[in-house]
Amino acid sequence: MLIGVPRESAAGETRVAVTPETAKKLISQGHTIRIESRAGLTASATDDAYESSGAQITDRTAALTADLVLKVRSPNVDELASMKAGANLIGMLNPFDKALSQ
């Protein structure tokens, strides 16, 4: 499965949905991992660390157009619009955000 991890867009968010070690485990199970460049920097995970784990460093579009998108926080409207139809999203979502629930 193609798994994408975009950089978090919420102000003040310093976490990343996948660490280099988690990426390595997912890749060993046969998945392809696309990490948006600099997605892990605020969590002390460099692009080099992700590449060493076997992940692909990509741009935002490539991370958001994966079959499965992993985020810490809810995607913003632009991120949702960039996701491909039928993709799955895993993250901490806000069920009270009317703009994102339509």
Protein backbone atom coordinates (compact mmCIF):
# COMPACT_ATOMS: atom_id res chain seq x y z
CA MET A 1 0.00 0.00 0.00
CA LEU A 2 1.16 3.52 -0.74
CA ILE A 3 1.21 5.52 2.52
CA GLY A 4 1.71 9.30 2.57
CA VAL A 5 2.79 11.46 5.48
CA PRO A 6 2.41 15.20 4.86
CA ARG A 7 3.95 17.86 7.07
CA GLU A 8 1.51 18.98 9.76
CA SER A 9 -0.25 22.23 8.93
CA ALA A 10 -1.79 23.09 12.33
CA ALA A 11 -0.09 26.03 14.04
CA GLY A 12 2.22 24.92 16.84
CA GLU A 13 2.06 21.21 15.99
CA THR A 14 5.49 19.65 16.45
CA ARG A 15 4.63 15.97 16.04
CA VAL A 16 4.80 13.81 12.93
CA ALA A 17 2.51 10.86 12.20
CA VAL A 18 5.32 8.41 11.38
CA THR A 19 8.82 8.21 12.84
CA PRO A 20 11.73 6.82 10.83
CA GLU A 21 11.58 3.62 12.91
CA THR A 22 7.85 3.20 12.20
CA ALA A 23 8.49 3.87 8.51
CA LYS A 24 11.11 1.11 8.51
CA LYS A 25 8.62 -1.35 10.05
CA LEU A 26 5.89 -0.46 7.55
CA ILE A 27 8.32 -0.79 4.63
CA SER A 28 9.42 -4.22 5.91
CA GLN A 29 5.75 -5.26 5.64
CA GLY A 30 5.75 -4.33 1.96
CA HIS A 31 4.34 -0.80 2.09
CA THR A 32 5.73 2.22 0.24
CA ILE A 33 6.10 5.31 2.43
CA ARG A 34 6.16 8.85 1.04
CA ILE A 35 7.17 11.50 3.56
CA GLU A 36 6.80 15.18 2.69
CA SER A 37 10.19 16.89 2.87
CA ARG A 38 10.81 18.37 6.33
CA ALA A 39 7.71 16.67 7.79
CA GLY A 40 9.64 15.36 10.78
CA LEU A 41 12.00 18.24 11.54
CA THR A 42 10.02 19.64 14.49
CA ALA A 43 9.94 16.11 15.93
CA SER A 44 13.73 15.75 15.49
CA ALA A 45 13.39 13.37 12.51
CA THR A 46 15.41 14.46 9.50
CA ASP A 47 14.79 13.65 5.85
CA ASP A 48 18.06 11.68 5.93
CA ALA A 49 16.72 9.51 8.77
CA TYR A 50 13.59 8.73 6.75
CA GLU A 51 15.62 7.96 3.64
CA SER A 52 17.85 5.64 5.69
CA SER A 53 14.71 3.78 6.78
CA GLY A 54 13.73 3.30 3.12
CA ALA A 55 11.06 6.00 2.87
CA GLN A 56 10.76 8.28 -0.14
CA ILE A 57 11.09 12.02 0.50
CA THR A 58 8.53 13.82 -1.65
CA ASP A 59 6.62 17.03 -2.06
CA ARG A 60 3.27 17.78 -0.40
CA THR A 61 1.19 16.65 -3.38
CA ALA A 62 2.83 13.22 -3.54
CA ALA A 63 2.31 12.68 0.20
CA LEU A 64 -1.35 13.72 0.05
CA THR A 65 -2.24 11.63 -3.02
CA ALA A 66 -1.35 8.29 -1.42
CA ASP A 67 -3.87 5.50 -0.83
CA LEU A 68 -3.54 6.02 2.92
CA VAL A 69 -2.66 9.41 4.43
CA LEU A 70 -1.39 9.57 8.01
CA LYS A 71 -1.61 12.84 9.94
CA VAL A 72 -1.47 13.83 13.60
CA ARG A 73 -4.11 16.57 13.34
CA SER A 74 -7.11 17.11 11.09
CA PRO A 75 -6.28 18.11 7.53
CA ASN A 76 -7.20 21.61 6.43
CA VAL A 77 -9.59 22.23 3.55
CA ASP A 78 -6.77 22.54 1.00
CA GLU A 79 -5.22 19.26 2.12
CA LEU A 80 -8.57 17.49 1.83
CA ALA A 81 -9.04 18.87 -1.67
CA SER A 82 -5.59 17.54 -2.63
CA MET A 83 -6.32 14.00 -1.48
CA LYS A 84 -7.41 11.55 -4.13
CA ALA A 85 -10.93 10.16 -4.19
CA GLY A 86 -11.23 6.96 -2.20
CA ALA A 87 -8.12 7.56 -0.09
CA ASN A 88 -8.20 6.72 3.59
CA LEU A 89 -7.15 9.19 6.29
CA ILE A 90 -5.93 8.31 9.76
CA GLY A 91 -5.34 10.97 12.38
CA MET A 92 -6.94 12.73 15.32
CA LEU A 93 -9.96 14.27 13.65
CA ASN A 94 -12.29 16.90 15.05
CA PRO A 95 -15.91 15.76 14.59
CA PHE A 96 -17.17 19.26 15.42
CA ASP A 97 -15.36 20.97 12.55
CA LYS A 98 -18.23 21.55 10.10
CA ALA A 99 -15.94 22.75 7.30
CA LEU A 100 -14.12 19.42 7.26
CA SER A 101 -17.06 17.11 7.80
CA GLN A 102 -18.90 17.85 4.57
